[in-house]
Amino acid sequence: MKEAAMAARKLWFVRGGVSIDSARQEIEPGTASCFGPFHDAATAERAWRAEMRRRVDTAQHRLSVLEVPRPGGESAG
């Protein structure tokens, strides 16, 4: 299947918060954030970079780009 068709079946989100443990498994209550959905990985990465620049002074703040299937499964797109 073409790459563009596969991308049409996915959504991207930027999510994270301030980690309270060194393994980054737990997020400090009240600091969680989620941005999106984005319809392509490049847009999600730009949003990730912009948010990380805003939070550069908070060493424990972590954000990641999350890729998920678009609701509707294989028939979506």
C-alpha atoms as a PDB file:
ATOM      1  CA  MET A   1       0.000   0.000   0.000  1.00  0.00           C
ATOM      2  CA  LYS A   2       1.263   3.482  -0.785  1.00  0.00           C
ATOM      3  CA  GLU A   3       2.775   5.533   2.029  1.00  0.00           C
ATOM      4  CA  ALA A   4       0.233   8.353   1.579  1.00  0.00           C
ATOM      5  CA  ALA A   5      -2.656   5.906   1.840  1.00  0.00           C
ATOM      6  CA  MET A   6      -1.192   4.423   5.032  1.00  0.00           C
ATOM      7  CA  ALA A   7      -0.712   7.896   6.535  1.00  0.00           C
ATOM      8  CA  ALA A   8      -4.356   8.702   5.793  1.00  0.00           C
ATOM      9  CA  ARG A   9      -5.279   5.913   8.215  1.00  0.00           C
ATOM     10  CA  LYS A  10      -3.318   7.393  11.119  1.00  0.00           C
ATOM     11  CA  LEU A  11      -3.431  10.366  13.450  1.00  0.00           C
ATOM     12  CA  TRP A  12      -0.625  11.853  15.515  1.00  0.00           C
ATOM     13  CA  PHE A  13      -0.763  13.467  18.952  1.00  0.00           C
ATOM     14  CA  VAL A  14       1.841  15.198  21.094  1.00  0.00           C
ATOM     15  CA  ARG A  15       1.474  14.219  24.733  1.00  0.00           C
ATOM     16  CA  GLY A  16       3.422  14.314  27.968  1.00  0.00           C
ATOM     17  CA  GLY A  17       3.977  16.191  31.203  1.00  0.00           C
ATOM     18  CA  VAL A  18       6.418  16.559  34.084  1.00  0.00           C
ATOM     19  CA  SER A  19       7.926  13.212  35.110  1.00  0.00           C
ATOM     20  CA  ILE A  20       8.047  12.428  38.825  1.00  0.00           C
ATOM     21  CA  ASP A  21      10.310   9.397  38.485  1.00  0.00           C
ATOM     22  CA  SER A  22      13.565   8.780  36.648  1.00  0.00           C
ATOM     23  CA  ALA A  23      12.013   6.077  34.456  1.00  0.00           C
ATOM     24  CA  ARG A  24       9.484   8.636  33.160  1.00  0.00           C
ATOM     25  CA  GLN A  25       6.626   6.261  33.909  1.00  0.00           C
ATOM     26  CA  GLU A  26       4.582   8.623  36.087  1.00  0.00           C
ATOM     27  CA  ILE A  27       3.415  12.139  35.288  1.00  0.00           C
ATOM     28  CA  GLU A  28       2.977  14.746  38.020  1.00  0.00           C
ATOM     29  CA  PRO A  29      -0.748  15.370  38.541  1.00  0.00           C
ATOM     30  CA  GLY A  30      -1.946  18.524  36.808  1.00  0.00           C
ATOM     31  CA  THR A  31       0.941  18.673  34.329  1.00  0.00           C
ATOM     32  CA  ALA A  32      -0.349  16.311  31.625  1.00  0.00           C
ATOM     33  CA  SER A  33      -0.880  17.816  28.196  1.00  0.00           C
ATOM     34  CA  CYS A  34      -2.049  16.564  24.834  1.00  0.00           C
ATOM     35  CA  PHE A  35      -2.044  18.375  21.486  1.00  0.00           C
ATOM     36  CA  GLY A  36      -3.652  17.207  18.274  1.00  0.00           C
ATOM     37  CA  PRO A  37      -4.858  15.369  16.390  1.00  0.00           C
ATOM     38  CA  PHE A  38      -2.443  16.043  13.563  1.00  0.00           C
ATOM     39  CA  HIS A  39      -2.926  14.462  10.159  1.00  0.00           C
ATOM     40  CA  ASP A  40       0.747  13.914   9.384  1.00  0.00           C
ATOM     41  CA  ALA A  41       3.938  13.189  11.283  1.00  0.00           C
ATOM     42  CA  ALA A  42       5.721  16.341  10.106  1.00  0.00           C
ATOM     43  CA  THR A  43       3.046  18.628  11.566  1.00  0.00           C
ATOM     44  CA  ALA A  44       3.076  16.693  14.837  1.00  0.00           C
ATOM     45  CA  GLU A  45       6.864  17.001  15.030  1.00  0.00           C
ATOM     46  CA  ARG A  46       6.677  20.777  14.469  1.00  0.00           C
ATOM     47  CA  ALA A  47       4.148  21.021  17.316  1.00  0.00           C
ATOM     48  CA  TRP A  48       6.406  18.853  19.509  1.00  0.00           C
ATOM     49  CA  ARG A  49       9.401  21.110  18.823  1.00  0.00           C
ATOM     50  CA  ALA A  50       7.407  24.268  19.547  1.00  0.00           C
ATOM     51  CA  GLU A  51       6.105  22.897  22.863  1.00  0.00           C
ATOM     52  CA  MET A  52       9.556  21.660  23.915  1.00  0.00           C
ATOM     53  CA  ARG A  53      11.002  25.139  23.235  1.00  0.00           C
ATOM     54  CA  ARG A  54       8.362  26.626  25.548  1.00  0.00           C
ATOM     55  CA  ARG A  55       9.308  24.168  28.297  1.00  0.00           C
ATOM     56  CA  VAL A  56      13.083  24.189  27.914  1.00  0.00           C
ATOM     57  CA  ASP A  57      13.595  25.382  31.507  1.00  0.00           C
ATOM     58  CA  THR A  58      11.719  22.427  33.036  1.00  0.00           C
ATOM     59  CA  ALA A  59      14.240  19.579  32.950  1.00  0.00           C
ATOM     60  CA  GLN A  60      11.748  16.835  33.855  1.00  0.00           C
ATOM     61  CA  HIS A  61       9.140  17.858  31.277  1.00  0.00           C
ATOM     62  CA  ARG A  62       8.792  15.223  28.594  1.00  0.00           C
ATOM     63  CA  LEU A  63       6.690  15.219  25.457  1.00  0.00           C
ATOM     64  CA  SER A  64       6.459  12.571  22.783  1.00  0.00           C
ATOM     65  CA  VAL A  65       4.723  12.091  19.462  1.00  0.00           C
ATOM     66  CA  LEU A  66       2.166   9.306  19.551  1.00  0.00           C
ATOM     67  CA  GLU A  67       0.931   7.658  16.327  1.00  0.00           C
ATOM     68  CA  VAL A  68      -2.491   6.015  16.517  1.00  0.00           C
ATOM     69  CA  PRO A  69      -4.856   4.372  14.021  1.00  0.00           C
ATOM     70  CA  ARG A  70      -7.579   6.679  12.758  1.00  0.00           C
ATOM     71  CA  PRO A  71     -11.005   5.734  14.203  1.00  0.00           C
ATOM     72  CA  GLY A  72     -12.819   3.500  11.759  1.00  0.00           C
ATOM     73  CA  GLY A  73      -9.960   1.071  11.192  1.00  0.00           C
ATOM     74  CA  GLU A  74      -8.977  -0.127   7.742  1.00  0.00           C
ATOM     75  CA  SER A  75     -12.049   1.354   6.058  1.00  0.00           C
ATOM     76  CA  ALA A  76     -11.145   4.915   7.103  1.00  0.00           C
ATOM     77  CA  GLY A  77      -9.280   7.195   4.770  1.00  0.00           C
END
